């Protein structure tokens, strides 16, 4: 990853722009650890202080999370997503669950009526990866796979505004998923999602919405039990 053609703007701003591209393009997915400071210096061909300044700026904007002793991780794909994460970091989990249920049931209903054959293929693939991640036993991998499944449902709604809002709330919703699942994947915490895919396949909007809301509601009930 080399810097693009030289510009007259400050070098740190060029590095910030380059790192932002890596984040917003999905090259560095949300939740992933970015290359180390030393690796970025080598890749970009700039001084260590310049890299450090750029990383801190993106952390300040909410795109990166600097974790001492662990590394720097992608927190959000846009400044607005970072703002959302900070704004709702301490929100009541039940209220986040209600928001999830509202957005995801609406998306599922729309997806049932608008999904294409390609959407259905992506949903099935996301569902399979979610199952594989659960069987793999790694909690964070499952969180990311589960989030990807719900994002696929939202994408199948073909509502760009809903998709953008859901993406900006991404880390808030993933935090809720982590709270639901807990630190260890336990059999009694597993919530199947196959019914959502099947309802969307059959273009049954009412059923798709009901099942999408149910998976969130079940988790919330168990959390409060």
Protein backbone atom coordinates (compact mmCIF):
# COMPACT_ATOMS: atom_id res chain seq x y z
CA UNK A 1 0.00 0.00 0.00
CA UNK A 2 2.01 2.96 -1.26
CA UNK A 3 0.87 6.55 -1.14
CA UNK A 4 -0.76 7.80 -4.30
CA UNK A 5 0.82 10.57 -6.38
CA UNK A 6 2.31 13.38 -4.28
CA UNK A 7 0.09 16.34 -3.45
CA UNK A 8 0.70 19.69 -1.86
CA UNK A 9 -1.40 18.96 1.21
CA UNK A 10 0.43 18.03 4.45
CA UNK A 11 1.89 14.53 4.45
CA UNK A 12 -0.12 13.53 7.53
CA UNK A 13 -3.33 14.42 5.69
CA UNK A 14 -2.27 12.23 2.78
CA UNK A 15 -1.67 9.32 5.15
CA UNK A 16 -5.03 9.92 6.85
CA UNK A 17 -6.73 9.84 3.44
CA UNK A 18 -4.93 6.66 2.46
CA UNK A 19 -5.82 4.87 5.69
CA UNK A 20 -9.42 6.04 5.41
CA UNK A 21 -9.61 4.42 1.96
CA UNK A 22 -8.43 1.12 3.44
CA UNK A 23 -11.24 1.36 6.00
CA UNK A 24 -14.12 2.60 3.87
CA UNK A 25 -13.35 0.21 1.00
CA UNK A 26 -13.60 -2.78 3.33
CA UNK A 27 -9.94 -3.69 2.85
CA UNK A 28 -9.75 -3.42 6.63
CA UNK A 29 -13.13 -4.70 7.87
CA UNK A 30 -14.75 -3.45 11.06
CA UNK A 31 -13.32 -5.41 13.99
CA UNK A 32 -10.05 -6.23 12.24
CA UNK A 33 -6.64 -5.18 13.51
CA UNK A 34 -4.78 -2.86 11.16
CA UNK A 35 -1.05 -3.28 10.38
CA UNK A 36 1.34 -2.25 13.12
CA UNK A 37 2.94 1.18 13.18
CA UNK A 38 6.21 -0.30 11.93
CA UNK A 39 4.42 -2.08 9.07
CA UNK A 40 2.59 1.10 8.05
CA UNK A 41 5.83 3.05 8.04
CA UNK A 42 7.32 0.48 5.68
CA UNK A 43 4.24 0.29 3.45
CA UNK A 44 3.69 4.03 3.17
CA UNK A 45 7.31 5.16 3.14
CA UNK A 46 6.77 7.92 5.71
CA UNK A 47 8.12 8.72 9.15
CA UNK A 48 6.81 6.96 12.24
CA UNK A 49 5.54 10.21 13.74
CA UNK A 50 3.47 10.86 10.61
CA UNK A 51 1.83 7.44 10.83
CA UNK A 52 1.20 7.92 14.55
CA UNK A 53 -0.42 11.31 13.94
CA UNK A 54 -2.67 9.86 11.23
CA UNK A 55 -3.76 6.90 13.34
CA UNK A 56 -4.53 9.14 16.31
CA UNK A 57 -6.57 11.47 14.09
CA UNK A 58 -8.67 8.56 12.80
CA UNK A 59 -9.08 7.29 16.35
CA UNK A 60 -10.27 10.74 17.42
CA UNK A 61 -12.80 10.66 14.57
CA UNK A 62 -14.10 7.31 15.76
CA UNK A 63 -12.86 5.12 12.91
CA UNK A 64 -10.07 3.39 14.84
CA UNK A 65 -9.73 2.06 18.37
CA UNK A 66 -6.21 2.10 19.84
CA UNK A 67 -5.90 -0.67 22.42
CA UNK A 68 -2.74 -0.54 24.47
CA UNK A 69 -0.84 -3.81 24.33
CA UNK A 70 -3.16 -5.28 21.69
CA UNK A 71 -3.02 -3.08 18.61
CA UNK A 72 -5.30 -0.74 16.67
CA UNK A 73 -8.65 -1.98 15.41
CA UNK A 74 -11.21 -0.71 12.91
CA UNK A 75 -14.16 0.58 14.88
CA UNK A 76 -16.33 2.12 12.15
CA UNK A 77 -16.35 2.78 8.43
CA UNK A 78 -17.28 6.47 8.61
CA UNK A 79 -17.03 9.41 10.97
CA UNK A 80 -20.79 9.27 11.48
CA UNK A 81 -20.56 5.62 12.50
CA UNK A 82 -17.88 6.61 15.00
CA UNK A 83 -20.12 9.34 16.38
CA UNK A 84 -22.99 6.84 16.68
CA UNK A 85 -20.76 4.45 18.59
CA UNK A 86 -19.67 7.11 21.07
CA UNK A 87 -23.20 8.55 21.40
CA UNK A 88 -24.85 5.22 22.22
CA UNK A 89 -22.00 3.41 23.97
CA UNK A 90 -23.84 3.62 27.30
CA UNK A 91 -27.37 3.17 25.97
CA UNK A 92 -29.68 0.74 27.75
CA UNK A 93 -29.39 -2.67 26.12
CA UNK A 94 -33.16 -3.16 26.03
CA UNK A 95 -33.55 0.04 24.04
CA UNK A 96 -30.84 -1.07 21.60
CA UNK A 97 -32.68 -4.40 21.29
CA UNK A 98 -35.89 -2.54 20.44
CA UNK A 99 -34.02 -0.53 17.81
CA UNK A 100 -32.52 -3.70 16.33
CA UNK A 101 -35.91 -5.39 16.22
CA UNK A 102 -37.46 -2.38 14.49
CA UNK A 103 -34.76 -2.02 11.84
CA UNK A 104 -34.20 -5.70 11.18
CA UNK A 105 -37.87 -6.67 11.00
CA UNK A 106 -38.56 -3.78 8.60
CA UNK A 107 -35.57 -4.78 6.47
CA UNK A 108 -36.67 -8.42 6.39
CA UNK A 109 -40.19 -7.45 5.32
CA UNK A 110 -38.84 -5.31 2.48
CA UNK A 111 -36.30 -7.97 1.50
CA UNK A 112 -39.03 -10.55 1.12
CA UNK A 113 -40.71 -8.40 -1.49
CA UNK A 114 -37.63 -7.06 -3.24
CA UNK A 115 -34.92 -9.68 -3.03
CA UNK A 116 -33.24 -10.86 -6.19
CA UNK A 117 -31.78 -14.28 -6.92
CA UNK A 118 -28.35 -12.83 -6.15
CA UNK A 119 -29.58 -11.44 -2.83
CA UNK A 120 -30.84 -14.90 -1.92
CA UNK A 121 -27.50 -16.48 -2.76
CA UNK A 122 -25.70 -13.95 -0.57
CA UNK A 123 -28.15 -14.56 2.27
CA UNK A 124 -27.63 -18.31 2.06
CA UNK A 125 -23.86 -17.85 2.03
CA UNK A 126 -24.02 -15.49 5.02
CA UNK A 127 -26.22 -17.99 6.86
CA UNK A 128 -23.76 -20.82 6.16
CA UNK A 129 -20.83 -18.73 7.37
CA UNK A 130 -22.77 -17.87 10.51
CA UNK A 131 -23.31 -21.58 11.19
CA UNK A 132 -19.65 -22.36 10.54
CA UNK A 133 -18.53 -19.55 12.84
CA UNK A 134 -20.74 -20.88 15.65
CA UNK A 135 -19.34 -24.39 15.24
CA UNK A 136 -15.83 -22.93 15.21
CA UNK A 137 -16.36 -21.69 18.75
CA UNK A 138 -14.67 -18.30 18.43
CA UNK A 139 -17.00 -15.67 19.89
CA UNK A 140 -15.76 -12.66 17.96
CA UNK A 141 -15.77 -14.55 14.66
CA UNK A 142 -19.38 -15.49 15.32
CA UNK A 143 -20.30 -11.90 16.18
CA UNK A 144 -18.88 -10.69 12.88
CA UNK A 145 -20.59 -13.51 10.93
CA UNK A 146 -23.92 -12.85 12.63
CA UNK A 147 -23.63 -9.13 11.92
CA UNK A 148 -22.78 -9.90 8.29
CA UNK A 149 -25.94 -12.00 8.00
CA UNK A 150 -28.15 -9.17 9.24
CA UNK A 151 -26.35 -6.72 6.96
CA UNK A 152 -27.14 -9.04 4.04
CA UNK A 153 -30.82 -8.94 5.00
CA UNK A 154 -30.73 -5.14 5.10
CA UNK A 155 -28.93 -5.02 1.75
CA UNK A 156 -31.65 -7.24 0.25
CA UNK A 157 -34.24 -4.63 1.24
CA UNK A 158 -32.84 -2.37 -1.50
CA UNK A 159 -33.49 0.67 0.65
CA UNK A 160 -30.29 2.72 0.52
CA UNK A 161 -31.29 5.00 3.38
CA UNK A 162 -32.04 2.06 5.67
CA UNK A 163 -28.80 0.36 4.63
CA UNK A 164 -26.76 3.50 5.33
CA UNK A 165 -28.38 4.02 8.73
CA UNK A 166 -27.84 0.37 9.66
CA UNK A 167 -24.19 0.59 8.60
CA UNK A 168 -23.64 3.73 10.68
CA UNK A 169 -25.14 1.97 13.69
CA UNK A 170 -23.04 -1.12 12.99
CA UNK A 171 -20.73 -1.07 16.01
CA UNK A 172 -23.59 -0.15 18.35
CA UNK A 173 -25.51 -3.21 17.12
CA UNK A 174 -22.44 -5.47 17.26
CA UNK A 175 -21.88 -4.39 20.86
CA UNK A 176 -25.44 -5.48 21.60
CA UNK A 177 -24.75 -8.83 19.93
CA UNK A 178 -21.68 -9.30 22.10
CA UNK A 179 -23.77 -8.60 25.17
CA UNK A 180 -26.39 -11.13 24.01
CA UNK A 181 -23.94 -13.89 23.20
CA UNK A 182 -21.64 -13.41 26.17
CA UNK A 183 -17.92 -14.19 26.35
CA UNK A 184 -18.36 -17.90 25.55
CA UNK A 185 -20.57 -19.53 22.91
CA UNK A 186 -23.01 -21.67 24.87
CA UNK A 187 -25.51 -24.06 23.25
CA UNK A 188 -28.46 -22.57 25.11
CA UNK A 189 -27.67 -19.13 23.67
CA UNK A 190 -27.85 -20.20 20.05
CA UNK A 191 -30.68 -18.61 18.05
CA UNK A 192 -31.37 -20.11 14.59
CA UNK A 193 -31.86 -17.75 11.64
CA UNK A 194 -32.84 -20.22 8.92
CA UNK A 195 -36.52 -19.22 9.17
CA UNK A 196 -35.64 -15.66 8.15
CA UNK A 197 -33.94 -16.86 4.97
CA UNK A 198 -36.80 -19.22 4.16
CA UNK A 199 -39.44 -16.51 4.62
CA UNK A 200 -37.49 -14.17 2.35
CA UNK A 201 -37.12 -16.98 -0.18
CA UNK A 202 -40.91 -17.49 -0.16
CA UNK A 203 -41.49 -13.72 -0.34
CA UNK A 204 -43.51 -13.91 2.86
CA UNK A 205 -42.98 -10.40 4.24
CA UNK A 206 -45.07 -10.84 7.39
CA UNK A 207 -43.28 -14.04 8.34
CA UNK A 208 -39.84 -12.60 7.58
CA UNK A 209 -40.53 -9.56 9.77
CA UNK A 210 -41.91 -11.69 12.58
CA UNK A 211 -38.90 -14.05 12.61
CA UNK A 212 -36.40 -11.19 12.39
CA UNK A 213 -38.01 -9.50 15.40
CA UNK A 214 -38.26 -12.83 17.23
CA UNK A 215 -34.52 -13.55 17.12
CA UNK A 216 -33.80 -10.20 18.78
CA UNK A 217 -36.63 -10.59 21.27
CA UNK A 218 -35.55 -14.07 22.30
CA UNK A 219 -32.02 -12.88 23.04
CA UNK A 220 -33.33 -9.94 25.05
CA UNK A 221 -35.65 -12.15 27.10
CA UNK A 222 -32.82 -14.53 27.89
CA UNK A 223 -30.55 -11.62 28.78
CA UNK A 224 -33.09 -10.28 31.23
CA UNK A 225 -33.92 -13.69 32.70
